[in-house]
Amino acid sequence: MRLLAADITDPNSLSVLGMPLWLWVVLGAIGLFCAFQAYYWVGYKLGPKIYASRLGRKVGEKSILRVENAVRRWGALAVYGCFWVPGLRHTLPWVAGALRISYPWYVVASALGCLTWVPVTSFGLYSVIWGWLRLAAESPLLAGVAAVAAVALIAVVVHRRRRRRAAQRAEELANV
């Protein structure tokens, strides 16, 4: 009987470009934390002028107001939560700076976000990617079926969300 542990790779032996994976994760977390501090201070220094900037125009006033409302309502908790929402990850921090939320709480929230989001992404997401690549090497047909199923699932979720939002907009217009 074969031991299950024989198939599990030693995490300490994983490396990318000769550097251990855990070190990449630590450097990624530090880099993201530094970027979040820079975003905050850019927003803090520019203040309301940032909304008229090219980035502010690109993001759009409606989106900025939504982010502002989240920051006003949730404060540092919104900063932590933005790590898990792709569109907010790099827009909310400069809005937090422009709104001048408490910097010590911002630092705590962004540090906790980096300490949780980076490892989950590095080990969880990349495990899925490498698992799919391994499946593709062993059975390209099965990997293709899995990819089609994943794309179909994403399409269904996006379609349902769009329908729900359209229904909410129609309801809001009907109430006005």
N, C-alpha and C. Protein backbone atom coordinates (compact mmCIF):
# COMPACT_ATOMS: atom_id res chain seq x y z
N MET A 1 0.84 -1.18 0.00
CA MET A 1 0.00 0.00 0.00
C MET A 1 0.89 1.25 0.00
N ARG A 2 0.57 2.19 -0.91
CA ARG A 2 1.33 3.43 -1.01
C ARG A 2 0.85 4.45 0.00
N LEU A 3 1.78 5.17 0.56
CA LEU A 3 1.43 6.23 1.49
C LEU A 3 0.98 7.47 0.71
N LEU A 4 -0.07 8.10 1.20
CA LEU A 4 -0.56 9.32 0.57
C LEU A 4 0.49 10.42 0.64
N ALA A 5 1.24 10.49 1.70
CA ALA A 5 2.25 11.54 1.88
C ALA A 5 3.32 11.49 0.81
N ALA A 6 3.48 10.36 0.14
CA ALA A 6 4.50 10.26 -0.90
C ALA A 6 4.17 11.14 -2.10
N ASP A 7 2.90 11.48 -2.30
CA ASP A 7 2.49 12.31 -3.43
C ASP A 7 2.46 13.79 -3.13
N ILE A 8 2.68 14.16 -1.88
CA ILE A 8 2.60 15.56 -1.49
C ILE A 8 4.00 16.17 -1.56
N THR A 9 4.09 17.28 -2.32
CA THR A 9 5.36 17.97 -2.46
C THR A 9 5.72 18.70 -1.18
N ASP A 10 6.98 18.66 -0.81
CA ASP A 10 7.46 19.39 0.36
C ASP A 10 7.39 20.89 0.05
N PRO A 11 6.61 21.66 0.82
CA PRO A 11 6.46 23.09 0.53
C PRO A 11 7.78 23.85 0.55
N ASN A 12 8.73 23.39 1.33
CA ASN A 12 10.01 24.09 1.40
C ASN A 12 10.86 23.90 0.15
N SER A 13 10.50 22.91 -0.68
CA SER A 13 11.29 22.66 -1.88
C SER A 13 10.77 23.44 -3.08
N LEU A 14 9.61 24.09 -2.97
CA LEU A 14 9.05 24.85 -4.08
C LEU A 14 9.84 26.12 -4.29
N SER A 15 10.13 26.43 -5.56
CA SER A 15 10.86 27.65 -5.84
C SER A 15 10.45 28.20 -7.21
N VAL A 16 10.63 29.51 -7.35
CA VAL A 16 10.39 30.20 -8.61
C VAL A 16 11.64 30.99 -8.92
N LEU A 17 12.21 30.75 -10.09
CA LEU A 17 13.45 31.41 -10.49
C LEU A 17 14.56 31.22 -9.45
N GLY A 18 14.57 30.05 -8.82
CA GLY A 18 15.61 29.71 -7.85
C GLY A 18 15.39 30.27 -6.45
N MET A 19 14.35 31.07 -6.26
CA MET A 19 14.07 31.64 -4.94
C MET A 19 12.89 30.89 -4.33
N PRO A 20 12.96 30.54 -3.06
CA PRO A 20 11.86 29.78 -2.44
C PRO A 20 10.52 30.52 -2.56
N LEU A 21 9.47 29.75 -2.76
CA LEU A 21 8.15 30.34 -2.94
C LEU A 21 7.72 31.18 -1.74
N TRP A 22 8.04 30.71 -0.53
CA TRP A 22 7.64 31.47 0.65
C TRP A 22 8.27 32.85 0.66
N LEU A 23 9.51 32.98 0.12
CA LEU A 23 10.17 34.27 0.07
C LEU A 23 9.48 35.19 -0.94
N TRP A 24 9.02 34.63 -2.07
CA TRP A 24 8.25 35.40 -3.04
C TRP A 24 6.97 35.94 -2.39
N VAL A 25 6.34 35.10 -1.58
CA VAL A 25 5.10 35.51 -0.90
C VAL A 25 5.39 36.66 0.07
N VAL A 26 6.45 36.55 0.83
CA VAL A 26 6.80 37.61 1.78
C VAL A 26 7.13 38.90 1.04
N LEU A 27 7.92 38.81 -0.02
CA LEU A 27 8.26 40.01 -0.79
C LEU A 27 7.03 40.61 -1.46
N GLY A 28 6.12 39.76 -1.93
CA GLY A 28 4.87 40.25 -2.52
C GLY A 28 4.02 40.99 -1.50
N ALA A 29 3.93 40.46 -0.29
CA ALA A 29 3.15 41.12 0.76
C ALA A 29 3.78 42.47 1.12
N ILE A 30 5.09 42.51 1.23
CA ILE A 30 5.77 43.78 1.55
C ILE A 30 5.57 44.79 0.43
N GLY A 31 5.72 44.34 -0.82
CA GLY A 31 5.52 45.23 -1.96
C GLY A 31 4.11 45.78 -2.03
N LEU A 32 3.12 44.93 -1.80
CA LEU A 32 1.74 45.38 -1.83
C LEU A 32 1.46 46.35 -0.68
N PHE A 33 2.01 46.06 0.49
CA PHE A 33 1.83 46.97 1.63
C PHE A 33 2.42 48.34 1.31
N CYS A 34 3.61 48.37 0.73
CA CYS A 34 4.24 49.65 0.37
C CYS A 34 3.42 50.39 -0.68
N ALA A 35 2.87 49.65 -1.65
CA ALA A 35 2.04 50.28 -2.67
C ALA A 35 0.79 50.90 -2.04
N PHE A 36 0.19 50.20 -1.07
CA PHE A 36 -1.00 50.72 -0.41
C PHE A 36 -0.69 51.99 0.37
N GLN A 37 0.50 52.07 0.96
CA GLN A 37 0.88 53.29 1.68
C GLN A 37 1.08 54.43 0.70
N ALA A 38 1.69 54.14 -0.44
CA ALA A 38 1.90 55.18 -1.45
C ALA A 38 0.54 55.67 -1.98
N TYR A 39 -0.38 54.76 -2.24
CA TYR A 39 -1.72 55.16 -2.71
C TYR A 39 -2.38 56.09 -1.70
N TYR A 40 -2.31 55.73 -0.43
CA TYR A 40 -2.94 56.55 0.61
C TYR A 40 -2.37 57.96 0.60
N TRP A 41 -1.04 58.05 0.57
CA TRP A 41 -0.42 59.37 0.67
C TRP A 41 -0.61 60.20 -0.60
N VAL A 42 -0.71 59.56 -1.75
CA VAL A 42 -1.04 60.30 -2.98
C VAL A 42 -2.43 60.89 -2.83
N GLY A 43 -3.39 60.07 -2.38
CA GLY A 43 -4.74 60.57 -2.15
C GLY A 43 -4.78 61.65 -1.09
N TYR A 44 -3.99 61.50 -0.04
CA TYR A 44 -3.95 62.46 1.05
C TYR A 44 -3.41 63.81 0.57
N LYS A 45 -2.30 63.76 -0.18
CA LYS A 45 -1.66 65.00 -0.62
C LYS A 45 -2.48 65.71 -1.70
N LEU A 46 -3.04 64.96 -2.62
CA LEU A 46 -3.79 65.58 -3.70
C LEU A 46 -5.21 65.95 -3.29
N GLY A 47 -5.76 65.20 -2.33
CA GLY A 47 -7.11 65.49 -1.84
C GLY A 47 -8.13 65.51 -2.95
N PRO A 48 -9.00 66.52 -2.95
CA PRO A 48 -10.06 66.60 -3.95
C PRO A 48 -9.55 66.75 -5.39
N LYS A 49 -8.32 67.24 -5.55
CA LYS A 49 -7.77 67.39 -6.91
C LYS A 49 -7.65 66.05 -7.63
N ILE A 50 -7.56 64.98 -6.86
CA ILE A 50 -7.36 63.67 -7.47
C ILE A 50 -8.58 63.25 -8.30
N TYR A 51 -9.76 63.77 -7.95
CA TYR A 51 -10.96 63.42 -8.68
C TYR A 51 -10.96 64.00 -10.09
N ALA A 52 -10.31 65.14 -10.27
CA ALA A 52 -10.22 65.76 -11.58
C ALA A 52 -9.04 65.23 -12.39
N SER A 53 -8.22 64.40 -11.77
CA SER A 53 -7.05 63.86 -12.47
C SER A 53 -7.47 62.85 -13.53
N ARG A 54 -6.51 62.43 -14.33
CA ARG A 54 -6.78 61.44 -15.37
C ARG A 54 -7.29 60.14 -14.77
N LEU A 55 -6.70 59.72 -13.66
CA LEU A 55 -7.14 58.50 -12.98
C LEU A 55 -8.57 58.67 -12.47
N GLY A 56 -8.86 59.81 -11.89
CA GLY A 56 -10.21 60.08 -11.39
C GLY A 56 -11.24 60.06 -12.50
N ARG A 57 -10.90 60.65 -13.65
CA ARG A 57 -11.82 60.64 -14.79
C ARG A 57 -11.99 59.24 -15.35
N LYS A 58 -10.91 58.47 -15.32
CA LYS A 58 -10.96 57.10 -15.85
C LYS A 58 -11.85 56.21 -14.97
N VAL A 59 -11.72 56.35 -13.67
CA VAL A 59 -12.53 55.55 -12.74
C VAL A 59 -13.99 55.97 -12.83
N GLY A 60 -14.25 57.25 -12.95
CA GLY A 60 -15.61 57.75 -13.09
C GLY A 60 -16.19 58.23 -11.77
N GLU A 61 -16.99 59.29 -11.86
CA GLU A 61 -17.55 59.91 -10.66
C GLU A 61 -18.47 58.97 -9.90
N LYS A 62 -19.28 58.21 -10.62
CA LYS A 62 -20.22 57.30 -9.96
C LYS A 62 -19.47 56.24 -9.14
N SER A 63 -18.42 55.69 -9.73
CA SER A 63 -17.63 54.67 -9.02
C SER A 63 -16.92 55.27 -7.82
N ILE A 64 -16.40 56.47 -7.99
CA ILE A 64 -15.69 57.13 -6.89
C ILE A 64 -16.65 57.40 -5.73
N LEU A 65 -17.86 57.84 -6.05
CA LEU A 65 -18.85 58.10 -4.99
C LEU A 65 -19.21 56.82 -4.25
N ARG A 66 -19.31 55.71 -4.98
CA ARG A 66 -19.59 54.42 -4.34
C ARG A 66 -18.46 54.04 -3.38
N VAL A 67 -17.22 54.23 -3.83
CA VAL A 67 -16.06 53.91 -3.00
C VAL A 67 -16.03 54.84 -1.79
N GLU A 68 -16.30 56.13 -2.01
CA GLU A 68 -16.34 57.09 -0.89
C GLU A 68 -17.36 56.67 0.16
N ASN A 69 -18.53 56.27 -0.29
CA ASN A 69 -19.57 55.85 0.65
C ASN A 69 -19.13 54.62 1.44
N ALA A 70 -18.46 53.70 0.79
CA ALA A 70 -17.96 52.51 1.49
C ALA A 70 -16.92 52.90 2.53
N VAL A 71 -16.02 53.82 2.17
CA VAL A 71 -14.98 54.25 3.11
C VAL A 71 -15.60 55.01 4.28
N ARG A 72 -16.56 55.89 3.98
CA ARG A 72 -17.21 56.65 5.06
C ARG A 72 -17.97 55.71 6.01
N ARG A 73 -18.63 54.72 5.43
CA ARG A 73 -19.45 53.83 6.25
C ARG A 73 -18.61 52.83 7.04
N TRP A 74 -17.63 52.22 6.37
CA TRP A 74 -16.90 51.11 6.99
C TRP A 74 -15.49 51.48 7.45
N GLY A 75 -14.94 52.59 7.01
CA GLY A 75 -13.62 53.03 7.45
C GLY A 75 -12.53 52.03 7.11
N ALA A 76 -11.74 51.66 8.11
CA ALA A 76 -10.61 50.76 7.91
C ALA A 76 -11.06 49.36 7.49
N LEU A 77 -12.26 48.97 7.89
CA LEU A 77 -12.77 47.66 7.47
C LEU A 77 -12.95 47.61 5.96
N ALA A 78 -13.32 48.74 5.35
CA ALA A 78 -13.42 48.81 3.89
C ALA A 78 -12.05 48.62 3.25
N VAL A 79 -11.01 49.14 3.91
CA VAL A 79 -9.65 48.97 3.39
C VAL A 79 -9.28 47.49 3.38
N TYR A 80 -9.58 46.80 4.48
CA TYR A 80 -9.31 45.36 4.52
C TYR A 80 -10.13 44.62 3.47
N GLY A 81 -11.39 44.96 3.35
CA GLY A 81 -12.27 44.28 2.41
C GLY A 81 -11.89 44.51 0.96
N CYS A 82 -11.27 45.64 0.66
CA CYS A 82 -10.94 45.94 -0.74
C CYS A 82 -9.90 44.98 -1.31
N PHE A 83 -9.16 44.31 -0.46
CA PHE A 83 -8.18 43.33 -0.95
C PHE A 83 -8.88 42.21 -1.70
N TRP A 84 -10.10 41.90 -1.30
CA TRP A 84 -10.82 40.75 -1.84
C TRP A 84 -11.71 41.12 -3.01
N VAL A 85 -11.74 42.42 -3.39
CA VAL A 85 -12.56 42.87 -4.52
C VAL A 85 -11.61 43.48 -5.56
N PRO A 86 -11.42 42.78 -6.69
CA PRO A 86 -10.42 43.23 -7.67
C PRO A 86 -10.53 44.68 -8.11
N GLY A 87 -11.70 45.21 -8.37
CA GLY A 87 -11.82 46.59 -8.83
C GLY A 87 -11.48 47.62 -7.77
N LEU A 88 -11.63 47.25 -6.52
CA LEU A 88 -11.39 48.20 -5.43
C LEU A 88 -9.96 48.19 -4.92
N ARG A 89 -9.25 47.11 -5.17
CA ARG A 89 -7.94 46.92 -4.55
C ARG A 89 -6.99 48.09 -4.77
N HIS A 90 -7.06 48.71 -5.95
CA HIS A 90 -6.12 49.79 -6.24
C HIS A 90 -6.81 51.14 -6.41
N THR A 91 -8.10 51.23 -6.08
CA THR A 91 -8.77 52.53 -6.13
C THR A 91 -9.16 53.01 -4.74
N LEU A 92 -9.58 52.12 -3.88
CA LEU A 92 -10.03 52.52 -2.55
C LEU A 92 -8.94 53.19 -1.72
N PRO A 93 -7.69 52.73 -1.76
CA PRO A 93 -6.67 53.37 -0.91
C PRO A 93 -6.46 54.85 -1.16
N TRP A 94 -6.47 55.29 -2.42
CA TRP A 94 -6.27 56.72 -2.65
C TRP A 94 -7.51 57.52 -2.25
N VAL A 95 -8.69 56.93 -2.36
CA VAL A 95 -9.90 57.60 -1.87
C VAL A 95 -9.84 57.71 -0.35
N ALA A 96 -9.35 56.65 0.32
CA ALA A 96 -9.19 56.69 1.78
C ALA A 96 -8.25 57.83 2.17
N GLY A 97 -7.20 58.02 1.39
CA GLY A 97 -6.28 59.13 1.67
C GLY A 97 -6.94 60.47 1.44
N ALA A 98 -7.69 60.59 0.34
CA ALA A 98 -8.37 61.86 0.04
C ALA A 98 -9.40 62.19 1.12
N LEU A 99 -10.05 61.16 1.67
CA LEU A 99 -11.04 61.37 2.73
C LEU A 99 -10.38 61.49 4.11
N ARG A 100 -9.07 61.24 4.14
CA ARG A 100 -8.27 61.36 5.36
C ARG A 100 -8.79 60.49 6.51
N ILE A 101 -9.01 59.21 6.20
CA ILE A 101 -9.39 58.31 7.29
C ILE A 101 -8.18 58.14 8.19
N SER A 102 -8.38 57.68 9.38
CA SER A 102 -7.32 57.54 10.37
C SER A 102 -6.17 56.70 9.81
N TYR A 103 -4.98 57.30 9.72
CA TYR A 103 -3.84 56.58 9.16
C TYR A 103 -3.43 55.37 9.99
N PRO A 104 -3.39 55.46 11.33
CA PRO A 104 -3.02 54.25 12.08
C PRO A 104 -3.97 53.07 11.80
N TRP A 105 -5.28 53.36 11.70
CA TRP A 105 -6.22 52.27 11.38
C TRP A 105 -6.04 51.80 9.95
N TYR A 106 -5.70 52.71 9.06
CA TYR A 106 -5.43 52.35 7.67
C TYR A 106 -4.23 51.41 7.58
N VAL A 107 -3.18 51.72 8.33
CA VAL A 107 -1.98 50.87 8.34
C VAL A 107 -2.32 49.47 8.85
N VAL A 108 -3.08 49.40 9.93
CA VAL A 108 -3.46 48.10 10.49
C VAL A 108 -4.29 47.31 9.48
N ALA A 109 -5.28 47.96 8.88
CA ALA A 109 -6.16 47.28 7.92
C ALA A 109 -5.38 46.83 6.68
N SER A 110 -4.49 47.66 6.18
CA SER A 110 -3.74 47.28 4.99
C SER A 110 -2.71 46.19 5.32
N ALA A 111 -2.13 46.23 6.50
CA ALA A 111 -1.20 45.16 6.89
C ALA A 111 -1.93 43.83 7.02
N LEU A 112 -3.10 43.85 7.67
CA LEU A 112 -3.88 42.61 7.79
C LEU A 112 -4.33 42.11 6.42
N GLY A 113 -4.70 43.03 5.55
CA GLY A 113 -5.09 42.64 4.20
C GLY A 113 -3.94 41.97 3.46
N CYS A 114 -2.75 42.55 3.56
CA CYS A 114 -1.58 41.96 2.90
C CYS A 114 -1.24 40.59 3.50
N LEU A 115 -1.33 40.50 4.82
CA LEU A 115 -0.99 39.23 5.49
C LEU A 115 -1.98 38.11 5.18
N THR A 116 -3.20 38.45 4.80
CA THR A 116 -4.18 37.40 4.49
C THR A 116 -4.36 37.20 2.99
N TRP A 117 -4.42 38.27 2.22
CA TRP A 117 -4.72 38.14 0.79
C TRP A 117 -3.55 37.55 0.00
N VAL A 118 -2.34 37.99 0.26
CA VAL A 118 -1.18 37.53 -0.52
C VAL A 118 -0.96 36.01 -0.37
N PRO A 119 -0.95 35.45 0.84
CA PRO A 119 -0.77 33.99 0.93
C PRO A 119 -1.93 33.21 0.31
N VAL A 120 -3.15 33.67 0.51
CA VAL A 120 -4.29 32.97 -0.08
C VAL A 120 -4.18 32.96 -1.60
N THR A 121 -3.84 34.10 -2.16
CA THR A 121 -3.69 34.18 -3.61
C THR A 121 -2.51 33.35 -4.08
N SER A 122 -1.39 33.50 -3.40
CA SER A 122 -0.18 32.79 -3.83
C SER A 122 -0.34 31.28 -3.78
N PHE A 123 -0.87 30.78 -2.67
CA PHE A 123 -0.95 29.34 -2.52
C PHE A 123 -2.27 28.77 -3.05
N GLY A 124 -3.37 29.48 -2.83
CA GLY A 124 -4.67 28.97 -3.27
C GLY A 124 -4.88 29.09 -4.77
N LEU A 125 -4.79 30.31 -5.28
CA LEU A 125 -5.02 30.54 -6.70
C LEU A 125 -3.99 29.83 -7.56
N TYR A 126 -2.73 29.94 -7.17
CA TYR A 126 -1.70 29.30 -7.99
C TYR A 126 -1.76 27.78 -7.88
N SER A 127 -2.27 27.25 -6.79
CA SER A 127 -2.47 25.81 -6.70
C SER A 127 -3.51 25.35 -7.71
N VAL A 128 -4.56 26.16 -7.87
CA VAL A 128 -5.58 25.84 -8.87
C VAL A 128 -4.98 25.89 -10.27
N ILE A 129 -4.20 26.91 -10.55
CA ILE A 129 -3.58 27.05 -11.87
C ILE A 129 -2.63 25.88 -12.15
N TRP A 130 -1.74 25.59 -11.19
CA TRP A 130 -0.80 24.49 -11.39
C TRP A 130 -1.52 23.15 -11.45
N GLY A 131 -2.60 23.00 -10.68
CA GLY A 131 -3.39 21.77 -10.75
C GLY A 131 -4.00 21.58 -12.12
N TRP A 132 -4.52 22.67 -12.70
CA TRP A 132 -5.10 22.58 -14.04
C TRP A 132 -4.01 22.27 -15.07
N LEU A 133 -2.84 22.88 -14.94
CA LEU A 133 -1.75 22.60 -15.88
C LEU A 133 -1.30 21.14 -15.78
N ARG A 134 -1.28 20.61 -14.57
CA ARG A 134 -0.92 19.20 -14.38
C ARG A 134 -1.97 18.30 -15.02
N LEU A 135 -3.25 18.66 -14.84
CA LEU A 135 -4.33 17.92 -15.47
C LEU A 135 -4.21 18.00 -16.99
N ALA A 136 -3.87 19.17 -17.51
CA ALA A 136 -3.70 19.33 -18.96
C ALA A 136 -2.56 18.47 -19.48
N ALA A 137 -1.51 18.31 -18.70
CA ALA A 137 -0.38 17.47 -19.14
C ALA A 137 -0.78 15.99 -19.17
N GLU A 138 -1.64 15.59 -18.24
CA GLU A 138 -2.05 14.19 -18.17
C GLU A 138 -3.23 13.88 -19.09
N SER A 139 -4.18 14.81 -19.20
CA SER A 139 -5.37 14.59 -20.01
C SER A 139 -5.86 15.92 -20.58
N PRO A 140 -5.38 16.28 -21.77
CA PRO A 140 -5.79 17.54 -22.37
C PRO A 140 -7.32 17.65 -22.56
N LEU A 141 -7.96 16.54 -22.88
CA LEU A 141 -9.41 16.57 -23.07
C LEU A 141 -10.13 16.92 -21.77
N LEU A 142 -9.74 16.28 -20.68
CA LEU A 142 -10.36 16.56 -19.39
C LEU A 142 -10.07 18.00 -18.94
N ALA A 143 -8.86 18.48 -19.21
CA ALA A 143 -8.51 19.87 -18.86
C ALA A 143 -9.36 20.84 -19.68
N GLY A 144 -9.60 20.52 -20.94
CA GLY A 144 -10.46 21.36 -21.78
C GLY A 144 -11.88 21.39 -21.26
N VAL A 145 -12.39 20.23 -20.85
CA VAL A 145 -13.74 20.15 -20.29
C VAL A 145 -13.81 20.98 -19.00
N ALA A 146 -12.79 20.87 -18.16
CA ALA A 146 -12.77 21.64 -16.91
C ALA A 146 -12.73 23.14 -17.21
N ALA A 147 -11.95 23.56 -18.19
CA ALA A 147 -11.86 24.98 -18.55
C ALA A 147 -13.20 25.48 -19.09
N VAL A 148 -13.84 24.69 -19.95
CA VAL A 148 -15.14 25.09 -20.49
C VAL A 148 -16.17 25.18 -19.37
N ALA A 149 -16.14 24.23 -18.45
CA ALA A 149 -17.08 24.26 -17.32
C ALA A 149 -16.84 25.50 -16.45
N ALA A 150 -15.59 25.85 -16.21
CA ALA A 150 -15.28 27.04 -15.40
C ALA A 150 -15.74 28.31 -16.10
N VAL A 151 -15.50 28.41 -17.41
CA VAL A 151 -15.94 29.59 -18.17
C VAL A 151 -17.47 29.67 -18.17
N ALA A 152 -18.14 28.52 -18.33
CA ALA A 152 -19.61 28.50 -18.31
C ALA A 152 -20.14 28.94 -16.94
N LEU A 153 -19.52 28.47 -15.89
CA LEU A 153 -19.94 28.86 -14.54
C LEU A 153 -19.78 30.37 -14.34
N ILE A 154 -18.65 30.91 -14.76
CA ILE A 154 -18.41 32.35 -14.65
C ILE A 154 -19.44 33.12 -15.47
N ALA A 155 -19.73 32.65 -16.68
CA ALA A 155 -20.72 33.32 -17.53
C ALA A 155 -22.10 33.33 -16.88
N VAL A 156 -22.49 32.22 -16.26
CA VAL A 156 -23.79 32.15 -15.58
C VAL A 156 -23.84 33.13 -14.42
N VAL A 157 -22.78 33.18 -13.63
CA VAL A 157 -22.74 34.10 -12.49
C VAL A 157 -22.81 35.55 -12.96
N VAL A 158 -22.03 35.89 -13.98
CA VAL A 158 -22.04 37.27 -14.50
C VAL A 158 -23.41 37.61 -15.07
N HIS A 159 -24.02 36.70 -15.81
CA HIS A 159 -25.34 36.93 -16.39
C HIS A 159 -26.39 37.17 -15.30
N ARG A 160 -26.36 36.37 -14.26
CA ARG A 160 -27.32 36.54 -13.16
C ARG A 160 -27.13 37.87 -12.44
N ARG A 161 -25.87 38.24 -12.23
CA ARG A 161 -25.61 39.52 -11.56
C ARG A 161 -26.10 40.68 -12.41
N ARG A 162 -25.87 40.62 -13.71
CA ARG A 162 -26.33 41.70 -14.59
C ARG A 162 -27.85 41.78 -14.61
N ARG A 163 -28.52 40.64 -14.66
CA ARG A 163 -29.98 40.63 -14.63
C ARG A 163 -30.50 41.21 -13.33
N ARG A 164 -29.87 40.84 -12.22
CA ARG A 164 -30.29 41.35 -10.92
C ARG A 164 -30.09 42.86 -10.84
N ARG A 165 -28.97 43.36 -11.33
CA ARG A 165 -28.71 44.80 -11.31
C ARG A 165 -29.70 45.54 -12.21
N ALA A 166 -29.99 44.98 -13.38
CA ALA A 166 -30.95 45.61 -14.29
C ALA A 166 -32.33 45.65 -13.64
N ALA A 167 -32.71 44.60 -12.94
CA ALA A 167 -34.01 44.58 -12.26
C ALA A 167 -34.04 45.62 -11.14
N GLN A 168 -32.92 45.78 -10.42
CA GLN A 168 -32.85 46.78 -9.36
C GLN A 168 -32.96 48.19 -9.94
N ARG A 169 -32.28 48.45 -11.07
CA ARG A 169 -32.36 49.75 -11.72
C ARG A 169 -33.77 50.04 -12.19
N ALA A 170 -34.41 49.03 -12.78
CA ALA A 170 -35.79 49.20 -13.25
C ALA A 170 -36.72 49.49 -12.08
N GLU A 171 -36.51 48.82 -10.96
CA GLU A 171 -37.33 49.04 -9.77
C GLU A 171 -37.11 50.46 -9.23
N GLU A 172 -35.86 50.90 -9.23
CA GLU A 172 -35.55 52.26 -8.75
C GLU A 172 -36.20 53.31 -9.64
N LEU A 173 -36.17 53.09 -10.95
CA LEU A 173 -36.80 54.03 -11.88
C LEU A 173 -38.32 54.03 -11.71
N ALA A 174 -38.88 52.87 -11.43
CA ALA A 174 -40.33 52.78 -11.24
C ALA A 174 -40.75 53.49 -9.96
N ASN A 175 -39.90 53.50 -8.95
CA ASN A 175 -40.22 54.15 -7.67
C ASN A 175 -40.04 55.65 -7.71
N VAL A 176 -39.31 56.16 -8.70
CA VAL A 176 -39.04 57.60 -8.78
C VAL A 176 -40.19 58.36 -9.33
